[in-house]
């Protein structure tokens, strides 16, 4: 049976799993005006606190995943990777090809998702934690039966919490190493910059505020200016000045190589975990 196009004007969205990432996506979808809360749903089984965020948005919360699937045209599986297989298999009788399925479970490949669901109308998305503040860097890969229209729809959903790119699934381990794990590298850099400020004599609160805003501003410049990061670096590096003195120290200690190695190590670990 051919995939039935999803009606973008009336489709309903369901979340299987009501954790922080699911709540962030739902919040972005509602606040962006992409969908009213009445056309979104999730289910809570044991911990009622999980549903507080969804209910605060006016989103219906059911008592069973079956109800979510019945009510939805697009279903996002946002459960932990170790339970996604059992969850999909339990719902398989309800997962017709009329429904577009999406997984954000880290490390779970499309071929397995498609096998468990019984069809290939699946899209895999790798978001990251800044989705909580609408600044996610997400990447998606389309399953064998997912259409370009399906991809555009998922792009709009995840575009409500940041930016999204399309890539071949074979690149997802590298994506995990860069954008998946990358926020932690930047938090470490912010903490180190703040510590440097304190060591140079700044009060802790001022140092942390300056470090965080500096990273945010520099990232915005990189995104919005259209300039290569190397050019932006050169623009603030005057001959014999303070910035080149600081950069010299970073280069002496292998700053760029260390960041590159971190991405490669995380990507390698992602590859290892996906085989277990």
Protein backbone atom coordinates (compact mmCIF):
# COMPACT_ATOMS: atom_id res chain seq x y z
CA UNK A 1 0.00 0.00 0.00
CA UNK A 2 1.35 3.45 -0.95
CA UNK A 3 1.88 6.01 1.77
CA UNK A 4 -1.14 8.28 2.12
CA UNK A 5 -0.10 11.96 2.16
CA UNK A 6 -0.45 13.61 5.56
CA UNK A 7 -2.90 16.52 5.48
CA UNK A 8 -0.69 19.36 6.72
CA UNK A 9 -3.74 21.47 7.62
CA UNK A 10 -5.39 18.95 9.92
CA UNK A 11 -2.84 16.31 10.99
CA UNK A 12 -2.52 15.28 14.62
CA UNK A 13 0.79 14.72 16.42
CA UNK A 14 1.42 12.13 19.11
CA UNK A 15 4.36 11.52 21.43
CA UNK A 16 5.19 8.04 22.68
CA UNK A 17 7.29 9.00 25.68
CA UNK A 18 6.75 12.21 27.61
CA UNK A 19 10.26 13.13 28.71
CA UNK A 20 12.07 16.45 28.55
CA UNK A 21 12.93 16.25 24.83
CA UNK A 22 9.33 15.40 23.89
CA UNK A 23 8.05 18.25 26.04
CA UNK A 24 10.54 20.68 24.45
CA UNK A 25 9.41 19.72 20.94
CA UNK A 26 5.73 19.93 21.89
CA UNK A 27 6.27 23.34 23.47
CA UNK A 28 8.04 24.61 20.35
CA UNK A 29 5.30 23.30 18.06
CA UNK A 30 2.59 25.00 20.13
CA UNK A 31 4.42 28.29 20.74
CA UNK A 32 5.34 28.62 17.06
CA UNK A 33 1.67 28.26 16.10
CA UNK A 34 2.42 25.21 13.97
CA UNK A 35 -0.25 23.17 15.77
CA UNK A 36 -2.84 23.97 18.43
CA UNK A 37 -2.43 21.89 21.62
CA UNK A 38 -5.69 20.04 20.95
CA UNK A 39 -4.04 18.34 17.96
CA UNK A 40 -1.16 16.98 20.05
CA UNK A 41 -1.24 14.14 22.58
CA UNK A 42 0.92 11.91 24.76
CA UNK A 43 0.40 9.23 27.40
CA UNK A 44 1.53 8.88 31.01
CA UNK A 45 1.67 5.45 32.66
CA UNK A 46 3.30 5.61 36.08
CA UNK A 47 4.77 9.02 36.94
CA UNK A 48 2.01 11.67 36.80
CA UNK A 49 4.59 14.46 37.14
CA UNK A 50 5.73 13.66 33.60
CA UNK A 51 2.49 15.05 32.23
CA UNK A 52 2.58 18.41 34.02
CA UNK A 53 4.44 20.19 31.23
CA UNK A 54 2.15 18.82 28.53
CA UNK A 55 -0.99 19.65 30.51
CA UNK A 56 0.25 23.20 31.13
CA UNK A 57 0.28 23.65 27.35
CA UNK A 58 -3.29 22.35 27.07
CA UNK A 59 -2.16 19.08 25.45
CA UNK A 60 -4.37 16.02 26.09
CA UNK A 61 -2.64 13.33 28.17
CA UNK A 62 -3.95 9.77 27.82
CA UNK A 63 -3.45 6.74 30.01
CA UNK A 64 -2.14 4.42 27.30
CA UNK A 65 0.09 4.62 24.23
CA UNK A 66 -2.61 2.92 22.14
CA UNK A 67 -4.82 5.97 22.60
CA UNK A 68 -2.04 8.25 21.34
CA UNK A 69 -1.49 6.13 18.23
CA UNK A 70 -5.22 5.97 17.49
CA UNK A 71 -5.50 9.75 17.76
CA UNK A 72 -2.40 10.63 15.71
CA UNK A 73 -1.25 10.85 12.10
CA UNK A 74 2.39 11.60 12.99
CA UNK A 75 3.93 9.71 15.91
CA UNK A 76 7.24 10.64 17.53
CA UNK A 77 8.91 7.87 19.53
CA UNK A 78 10.79 9.70 22.27
CA UNK A 79 11.48 6.81 24.63
CA UNK A 80 14.88 5.60 25.85
CA UNK A 81 16.87 3.59 23.28
CA UNK A 82 16.85 0.42 25.41
CA UNK A 83 13.03 0.23 25.43
CA UNK A 84 12.16 1.51 21.94
CA UNK A 85 12.10 -2.00 20.43
CA UNK A 86 9.53 -3.32 22.90
CA UNK A 87 7.41 -0.17 22.61
CA UNK A 88 7.30 -0.28 18.80
CA UNK A 89 6.58 -4.03 18.75
CA UNK A 90 3.72 -3.61 21.24
CA UNK A 91 2.15 -0.92 19.07
CA UNK A 92 2.89 -2.61 15.72
CA UNK A 93 -0.72 -3.73 15.04
CA UNK A 94 -1.78 -0.06 15.16
CA UNK A 95 1.13 1.36 13.14
CA UNK A 96 -0.33 1.35 9.64
CA UNK A 97 1.46 2.94 6.73
CA UNK A 98 -1.06 5.76 6.89
CA UNK A 99 0.87 6.98 9.91
CA UNK A 100 4.23 8.73 9.67
CA UNK A 101 6.60 7.44 12.34
CA UNK A 102 9.54 9.39 13.75
CA UNK A 103 12.23 8.25 16.17
CA UNK A 104 14.55 10.41 18.25
CA UNK A 105 16.01 7.41 20.11
CA UNK A 106 19.80 7.72 19.96
CA UNK A 107 21.69 4.93 18.21
CA UNK A 108 18.65 3.04 16.90
CA UNK A 109 18.97 2.47 13.15
CA UNK A 110 16.21 2.90 10.59
CA UNK A 111 16.44 -0.69 9.36
CA UNK A 112 15.61 -1.94 12.86
CA UNK A 113 12.84 0.59 13.39
CA UNK A 114 11.30 -0.34 10.04
CA UNK A 115 11.50 -4.05 10.82
CA UNK A 116 9.83 -3.62 14.22
CA UNK A 117 7.08 -1.38 12.84
CA UNK A 118 6.40 -3.57 9.81
CA UNK A 119 6.91 -0.78 7.27
CA UNK A 120 9.44 1.83 6.19
CA UNK A 121 7.50 5.07 6.64
CA UNK A 122 9.92 6.08 9.35
CA UNK A 123 12.15 9.13 9.79
CA UNK A 124 15.04 9.17 12.24
CA UNK A 125 15.92 12.50 13.86
CA UNK A 126 18.92 13.36 16.01
CA UNK A 127 18.10 16.53 17.99
CA UNK A 128 20.20 17.96 20.83
CA UNK A 129 19.45 19.38 24.26
CA UNK A 130 19.28 23.10 23.26
CA UNK A 131 15.86 22.22 21.86
CA UNK A 132 14.74 23.15 25.39
CA UNK A 133 15.40 26.82 24.53
CA UNK A 134 14.43 26.64 20.85
CA UNK A 135 18.04 26.45 19.64
CA UNK A 136 18.44 22.80 18.63
CA UNK A 137 20.77 21.55 15.93
CA UNK A 138 18.93 18.51 14.53
CA UNK A 139 19.60 16.13 11.65
CA UNK A 140 17.10 13.78 10.00
CA UNK A 141 17.31 10.78 7.71
CA UNK A 142 14.35 9.37 5.78
CA UNK A 143 13.40 5.68 5.83
CA UNK A 144 12.76 3.70 2.66
CA UNK A 145 9.04 4.55 2.40
CA UNK A 146 9.10 8.08 3.82
CA UNK A 147 8.30 10.67 1.15
CA UNK A 148 9.84 14.08 0.54
CA UNK A 149 6.56 15.56 1.79
CA UNK A 150 7.00 13.55 5.01
CA UNK A 151 10.49 15.00 5.33
CA UNK A 152 9.21 18.54 4.85
CA UNK A 153 6.59 18.01 7.55
CA UNK A 154 9.13 16.68 10.04
CA UNK A 155 11.42 19.55 9.09
CA UNK A 156 8.70 22.01 10.12
CA UNK A 157 8.07 20.21 13.42
CA UNK A 158 11.72 20.17 14.46
CA UNK A 159 12.31 23.57 12.89
CA UNK A 160 10.06 24.93 15.64
CA UNK A 161 12.80 24.18 18.19
CA UNK A 162 15.87 25.20 16.18
CA UNK A 163 17.46 24.27 12.87
CA UNK A 164 17.33 20.92 11.09
CA UNK A 165 19.39 19.41 8.29
CA UNK A 166 18.93 16.26 6.20
CA UNK A 167 21.78 13.74 5.95
CA UNK A 168 22.45 10.09 5.14
CA UNK A 169 22.01 7.88 8.20
CA UNK A 170 25.59 6.61 7.89
CA UNK A 171 26.69 10.06 9.13
CA UNK A 172 24.67 9.88 12.36
CA UNK A 173 27.56 8.68 14.52
CA UNK A 174 29.53 11.74 13.43
CA UNK A 175 26.46 13.90 14.04
CA UNK A 176 26.27 12.46 17.56
CA UNK A 177 29.94 13.30 18.15
CA UNK A 178 29.49 16.90 16.99
CA UNK A 179 26.01 18.28 17.69
CA UNK A 180 24.77 15.52 20.00
CA UNK A 181 27.66 15.71 22.43
CA UNK A 182 28.84 19.18 21.42
CA UNK A 183 26.79 21.19 23.93
CA UNK A 184 28.76 19.55 26.75
CA UNK A 185 32.04 20.66 25.15
CA UNK A 186 30.75 24.22 25.00
CA UNK A 187 29.55 24.15 28.62
CA UNK A 188 33.07 23.07 29.58
CA UNK A 189 34.51 25.93 27.52
CA UNK A 190 32.15 28.45 29.17
CA UNK A 191 33.12 27.18 32.62
CA UNK A 192 36.82 27.41 31.73
CA UNK A 193 36.45 30.95 30.35
CA UNK A 194 34.64 31.98 33.52
CA UNK A 195 37.35 30.41 35.67
CA UNK A 196 39.90 32.33 33.63
CA UNK A 197 37.99 35.53 34.32
CA UNK A 198 38.00 34.78 38.04
CA UNK A 199 41.73 34.06 37.92
CA UNK A 200 42.21 37.44 36.23
CA UNK A 201 40.29 39.17 39.03
CA UNK A 202 36.61 39.19 38.00
CA UNK A 203 33.78 38.35 40.41
CA UNK A 204 32.37 34.87 39.69
CA UNK A 205 28.88 36.03 38.65
CA UNK A 206 30.25 38.64 36.24
CA UNK A 207 32.77 36.20 34.80
CA UNK A 208 30.13 33.55 34.10
CA UNK A 209 27.75 36.07 32.58
CA UNK A 210 30.46 37.47 30.29
CA UNK A 211 31.66 34.00 29.28
CA UNK A 212 28.14 32.75 28.43
CA UNK A 213 27.19 35.88 26.48
CA UNK A 214 30.51 35.89 24.63
CA UNK A 215 29.95 32.32 23.42
CA UNK A 216 26.36 33.14 22.44
CA UNK A 217 27.45 36.26 20.58
CA UNK A 218 30.31 34.54 18.79
CA UNK A 219 28.03 31.70 17.69
CA UNK A 220 25.48 34.22 16.41
CA UNK A 221 28.22 35.98 14.44
CA UNK A 222 29.31 32.67 12.90
CA UNK A 223 25.72 31.84 11.88
CA UNK A 224 24.59 35.28 10.71
CA UNK A 225 27.67 36.95 9.20
CA UNK A 226 28.34 34.43 6.45
CA UNK A 227 32.05 34.68 7.22
CA UNK A 228 34.36 31.72 7.84
CA UNK A 229 35.21 31.34 11.56
CA UNK A 230 38.86 31.88 10.69
CA UNK A 231 38.02 35.27 9.18
CA UNK A 232 35.97 36.24 12.22
CA UNK A 233 38.93 35.29 14.41
CA UNK A 234 41.28 37.39 12.30
CA UNK A 235 38.87 40.34 12.52
CA UNK A 236 39.44 40.59 16.29
CA UNK A 237 43.14 39.71 16.26
CA UNK A 238 45.32 42.77 15.91
CA UNK A 239 49.14 42.58 15.54
CA UNK A 240 50.86 42.25 18.88
CA UNK A 241 47.53 42.56 20.73
CA UNK A 242 45.79 40.81 23.58
CA UNK A 243 43.75 38.38 21.47
CA UNK A 244 46.70 36.93 19.56
CA UNK A 245 48.49 36.42 22.87
CA UNK A 246 45.55 34.37 24.12
CA UNK A 247 45.24 32.43 20.85
CA UNK A 248 48.97 31.65 20.99
CA UNK A 249 48.41 29.95 24.36
CA UNK A 250 45.47 27.95 22.99
CA UNK A 251 47.52 26.83 19.99
CA UNK A 252 50.50 25.86 22.17
CA UNK A 253 48.20 23.59 24.16
CA UNK A 254 46.53 21.96 21.17
CA UNK A 255 43.11 23.56 21.57
CA UNK A 256 41.80 22.84 18.07
CA UNK A 257 43.24 19.34 17.96
CA UNK A 258 41.68 18.54 21.34
CA UNK A 259 38.22 19.59 20.16
CA UNK A 260 38.63 17.60 16.95
CA UNK A 261 39.70 14.55 18.96
CA UNK A 262 36.68 14.93 21.26
CA UNK A 263 34.27 14.83 18.30
CA UNK A 264 36.01 11.81 16.78
CA UNK A 265 36.10 9.96 20.13
CA UNK A 266 32.39 10.57 20.75
CA UNK A 267 31.54 9.49 17.19
CA UNK A 268 33.56 6.31 17.66
CA UNK A 269 31.80 5.59 20.94
CA UNK A 270 28.42 6.15 19.28
CA UNK A 271 29.39 3.61 16.63
CA UNK A 272 30.39 1.10 19.30
CA UNK A 273 27.15 1.56 21.26
CA UNK A 274 24.99 1.14 18.14
CA UNK A 275 26.50 -2.34 17.64
CA UNK A 276 25.69 -3.59 21.14
